Amino acid sequence: MDRHLFPHDLIRAQQQWHDTYRALAVPRPRRTTELRRRLLALSVRIHWHPFWSTPAGRTPAARVELRQRAAEGRTRGAA
């Protein structure tokens, strides 16, 4: 069972962050400037999301769980 109830927009932003990071990680990626700007914008959106100021979001474990859940959703969707 999941410990934290993350807002859907926060989960989606983390998934988009992972997708953008993977797009930059390929050999000789196209649109690198655009991808880097998107990665930065998503990082800011995730870091400053209001969820982190709630009691549930104040623990480091919450950030780890968000990353794991977002990555898990990507691998499940690909299968």
N, C-alpha and C. Protein backbone atom coordinates (compact mmCIF):
# COMPACT_ATOMS: atom_id res chain seq x y z
N MET A 1 0.84 -1.17 0.00
CA MET A 1 0.00 0.00 0.00
C MET A 1 0.89 1.24 0.00
N ASP A 2 0.45 2.27 -0.73
CA ASP A 2 1.21 3.50 -0.81
C ASP A 2 1.07 4.29 0.48
N ARG A 3 2.15 4.90 0.90
CA ARG A 3 2.14 5.67 2.14
C ARG A 3 1.62 7.08 1.93
N HIS A 4 1.89 7.68 0.79
CA HIS A 4 1.54 9.07 0.55
C HIS A 4 0.49 9.18 -0.56
N LEU A 5 -0.41 10.12 -0.38
CA LEU A 5 -1.39 10.42 -1.41
C LEU A 5 -0.92 11.67 -2.15
N PHE A 6 -0.20 11.45 -3.24
CA PHE A 6 0.35 12.56 -4.01
C PHE A 6 -0.73 13.14 -4.92
N PRO A 7 -0.70 14.46 -5.12
CA PRO A 7 -1.61 15.05 -6.09
C PRO A 7 -1.25 14.56 -7.50
N HIS A 8 -2.25 14.42 -8.33
CA HIS A 8 -2.02 13.90 -9.68
C HIS A 8 -1.08 14.79 -10.49
N ASP A 9 -1.17 16.11 -10.31
CA ASP A 9 -0.30 16.99 -11.08
C ASP A 9 1.16 16.83 -10.68
N LEU A 10 1.41 16.50 -9.43
CA LEU A 10 2.78 16.28 -8.97
C LEU A 10 3.34 14.98 -9.55
N ILE A 11 2.54 13.94 -9.55
CA ILE A 11 2.97 12.66 -10.13
C ILE A 11 3.24 12.84 -11.63
N ARG A 12 2.33 13.53 -12.31
CA ARG A 12 2.50 13.75 -13.76
C ARG A 12 3.76 14.56 -14.05
N ALA A 13 4.02 15.58 -13.24
CA ALA A 13 5.24 16.39 -13.44
C ALA A 13 6.49 15.53 -13.25
N GLN A 14 6.48 14.64 -12.26
CA GLN A 14 7.63 13.76 -12.05
C GLN A 14 7.79 12.79 -13.21
N GLN A 15 6.68 12.27 -13.75
CA GLN A 15 6.76 11.38 -14.91
C GLN A 15 7.31 12.12 -16.12
N GLN A 16 6.85 13.34 -16.33
CA GLN A 16 7.36 14.15 -17.44
C GLN A 16 8.85 14.45 -17.25
N TRP A 17 9.26 14.66 -16.01
CA TRP A 17 10.68 14.90 -15.72
C TRP A 17 11.50 13.69 -16.15
N HIS A 18 11.04 12.49 -15.77
CA HIS A 18 11.75 11.27 -16.14
C HIS A 18 11.80 11.11 -17.67
N ASP A 19 10.70 11.37 -18.35
CA ASP A 19 10.66 11.27 -19.81
C ASP A 19 11.64 12.24 -20.46
N THR A 20 11.67 13.46 -19.96
CA THR A 20 12.57 14.48 -20.50
C THR A 20 14.02 14.11 -20.24
N TYR A 21 14.31 13.61 -19.06
CA TYR A 21 15.66 13.20 -18.72
C TYR A 21 16.12 12.07 -19.64
N ARG A 22 15.24 11.11 -19.87
CA ARG A 22 15.59 10.00 -20.79
C ARG A 22 15.83 10.50 -22.20
N ALA A 23 15.05 11.48 -22.63
CA ALA A 23 15.23 12.04 -23.97
C ALA A 23 16.60 12.72 -24.10
N LEU A 24 17.06 13.31 -23.02
CA LEU A 24 18.40 13.94 -23.03
C LEU A 24 19.52 12.91 -22.94
N ALA A 25 19.22 11.75 -22.39
CA ALA A 25 20.26 10.75 -22.16
C ALA A 25 20.61 9.93 -23.39
N VAL A 26 19.82 10.01 -24.44
CA VAL A 26 20.13 9.24 -25.65
C VAL A 26 21.36 9.84 -26.33
N PRO A 27 22.10 9.04 -27.07
CA PRO A 27 23.25 9.59 -27.79
C PRO A 27 22.81 10.63 -28.81
N ARG A 28 23.44 11.77 -28.80
CA ARG A 28 23.18 12.87 -29.74
C ARG A 28 21.70 13.24 -29.79
N PRO A 29 21.15 13.68 -28.66
CA PRO A 29 19.73 14.03 -28.64
C PRO A 29 19.44 15.28 -29.49
N ARG A 30 18.25 15.35 -30.00
CA ARG A 30 17.82 16.53 -30.75
C ARG A 30 17.15 17.49 -29.78
N ARG A 31 17.15 18.77 -30.13
CA ARG A 31 16.48 19.80 -29.34
C ARG A 31 16.99 19.85 -27.90
N THR A 32 18.30 19.77 -27.73
CA THR A 32 18.86 19.72 -26.37
C THR A 32 18.52 20.96 -25.55
N THR A 33 18.56 22.13 -26.16
CA THR A 33 18.26 23.35 -25.41
C THR A 33 16.82 23.32 -24.91
N GLU A 34 15.90 22.93 -25.77
CA GLU A 34 14.49 22.83 -25.39
C GLU A 34 14.29 21.81 -24.28
N LEU A 35 14.95 20.67 -24.40
CA LEU A 35 14.82 19.62 -23.38
C LEU A 35 15.41 20.06 -22.05
N ARG A 36 16.54 20.73 -22.09
CA ARG A 36 17.15 21.21 -20.84
C ARG A 36 16.28 22.24 -20.16
N ARG A 37 15.70 23.14 -20.95
CA ARG A 37 14.79 24.13 -20.37
C ARG A 37 13.56 23.47 -19.77
N ARG A 38 13.04 22.46 -20.45
CA ARG A 38 11.87 21.74 -19.93
C ARG A 38 12.24 21.02 -18.64
N LEU A 39 13.41 20.39 -18.61
CA LEU A 39 13.85 19.69 -17.40
C LEU A 39 13.97 20.66 -16.23
N LEU A 40 14.51 21.82 -16.48
CA LEU A 40 14.65 22.83 -15.43
C LEU A 40 13.27 23.31 -14.95
N ALA A 41 12.37 23.59 -15.87
CA ALA A 41 11.03 24.04 -15.51
C ALA A 41 10.28 22.98 -14.69
N LEU A 42 10.41 21.73 -15.10
CA LEU A 42 9.76 20.65 -14.35
C LEU A 42 10.39 20.48 -12.97
N SER A 43 11.70 20.64 -12.88
CA SER A 43 12.38 20.55 -11.59
C SER A 43 11.87 21.62 -10.63
N VAL A 44 11.69 22.82 -11.14
CA VAL A 44 11.18 23.92 -10.31
C VAL A 44 9.74 23.63 -9.89
N ARG A 45 8.91 23.16 -10.83
CA ARG A 45 7.52 22.85 -10.51
C ARG A 45 7.43 21.78 -9.44
N ILE A 46 8.26 20.76 -9.54
CA ILE A 46 8.24 19.67 -8.55
C ILE A 46 8.76 20.17 -7.20
N HIS A 47 9.87 20.87 -7.22
CA HIS A 47 10.50 21.32 -5.97
C HIS A 47 9.59 22.26 -5.17
N TRP A 48 8.89 23.16 -5.84
CA TRP A 48 8.08 24.16 -5.16
C TRP A 48 6.60 23.79 -5.10
N HIS A 49 6.24 22.56 -5.38
CA HIS A 49 4.83 22.16 -5.32
C HIS A 49 4.32 22.31 -3.88
N PRO A 50 3.08 22.79 -3.73
CA PRO A 50 2.51 22.99 -2.38
C PRO A 50 2.45 21.72 -1.53
N PHE A 51 2.46 20.55 -2.15
CA PHE A 51 2.42 19.30 -1.38
C PHE A 51 3.55 19.21 -0.38
N TRP A 52 4.72 19.73 -0.73
CA TRP A 52 5.90 19.60 0.13
C TRP A 52 5.78 20.42 1.42
N SER A 53 4.82 21.35 1.48
CA SER A 53 4.65 22.11 2.72
C SER A 53 3.59 21.49 3.63
N THR A 54 3.00 20.36 3.22
CA THR A 54 2.04 19.66 4.07
C THR A 54 2.80 18.70 4.99
N PRO A 55 2.18 18.26 6.08
CA PRO A 55 2.87 17.32 6.98
C PRO A 55 3.34 16.04 6.25
N ALA A 56 2.54 15.53 5.33
CA ALA A 56 2.92 14.31 4.60
C ALA A 56 4.12 14.55 3.69
N GLY A 57 4.28 15.76 3.19
CA GLY A 57 5.35 16.04 2.25
C GLY A 57 6.65 16.50 2.86
N ARG A 58 6.69 16.63 4.16
CA ARG A 58 7.89 17.16 4.82
C ARG A 58 9.00 16.13 5.04
N THR A 59 8.76 14.89 4.72
CA THR A 59 9.77 13.87 4.95
C THR A 59 10.56 13.58 3.68
N PRO A 60 11.84 13.30 3.81
CA PRO A 60 12.62 12.93 2.63
C PRO A 60 12.07 11.66 1.96
N ALA A 61 11.47 10.79 2.74
CA ALA A 61 10.92 9.56 2.18
C ALA A 61 9.81 9.85 1.18
N ALA A 62 9.10 10.95 1.35
CA ALA A 62 8.03 11.30 0.42
C ALA A 62 8.60 11.59 -0.97
N ARG A 63 9.73 12.29 -1.02
CA ARG A 63 10.34 12.60 -2.32
C ARG A 63 10.84 11.32 -3.00
N VAL A 64 11.40 10.43 -2.22
CA VAL A 64 11.87 9.15 -2.77
C VAL A 64 10.69 8.35 -3.30
N GLU A 65 9.61 8.30 -2.53
CA GLU A 65 8.44 7.55 -2.95
C GLU A 65 7.84 8.13 -4.23
N LEU A 66 7.83 9.46 -4.35
CA LEU A 66 7.31 10.09 -5.56
C LEU A 66 8.12 9.65 -6.78
N ARG A 67 9.44 9.68 -6.67
CA ARG A 67 10.29 9.26 -7.80
C ARG A 67 10.05 7.80 -8.15
N GLN A 68 9.95 6.96 -7.13
CA GLN A 68 9.73 5.53 -7.38
C GLN A 68 8.37 5.29 -8.02
N ARG A 69 7.35 5.96 -7.51
CA ARG A 69 6.01 5.77 -8.06
C ARG A 69 5.93 6.26 -9.51
N ALA A 70 6.57 7.37 -9.81
CA ALA A 70 6.56 7.89 -11.17
C ALA A 70 7.29 6.94 -12.11
N ALA A 71 8.42 6.40 -11.69
CA ALA A 71 9.17 5.46 -12.52
C ALA A 71 8.41 4.15 -12.67
N GLU A 72 7.74 3.73 -11.63
CA GLU A 72 6.96 2.51 -11.66
C GLU A 72 5.79 2.64 -12.64
N GLY A 73 5.16 3.78 -12.64
CA GLY A 73 4.05 4.03 -13.57
C GLY A 73 4.50 3.99 -15.01
N ARG A 74 5.72 4.42 -15.27
CA ARG A 74 6.27 4.42 -16.64
C ARG A 74 6.55 3.01 -17.09
N THR A 75 7.11 2.17 -16.22
CA THR A 75 7.44 0.81 -16.63
C THR A 75 6.17 -0.02 -16.78
N ARG A 76 5.17 0.24 -15.96
CA ARG A 76 3.90 -0.47 -16.07
C ARG A 76 3.18 -0.10 -17.35
N GLY A 77 3.22 1.19 -17.70
CA GLY A 77 2.56 1.65 -18.91
C GLY A 77 3.21 1.14 -20.17
N ALA A 78 4.52 0.87 -20.12
CA ALA A 78 5.26 0.39 -21.28
C ALA A 78 5.04 -1.09 -21.53
N ALA A 79 4.63 -1.83 -20.51
CA ALA A 79 4.46 -3.28 -20.64
C ALA A 79 3.16 -3.68 -21.28
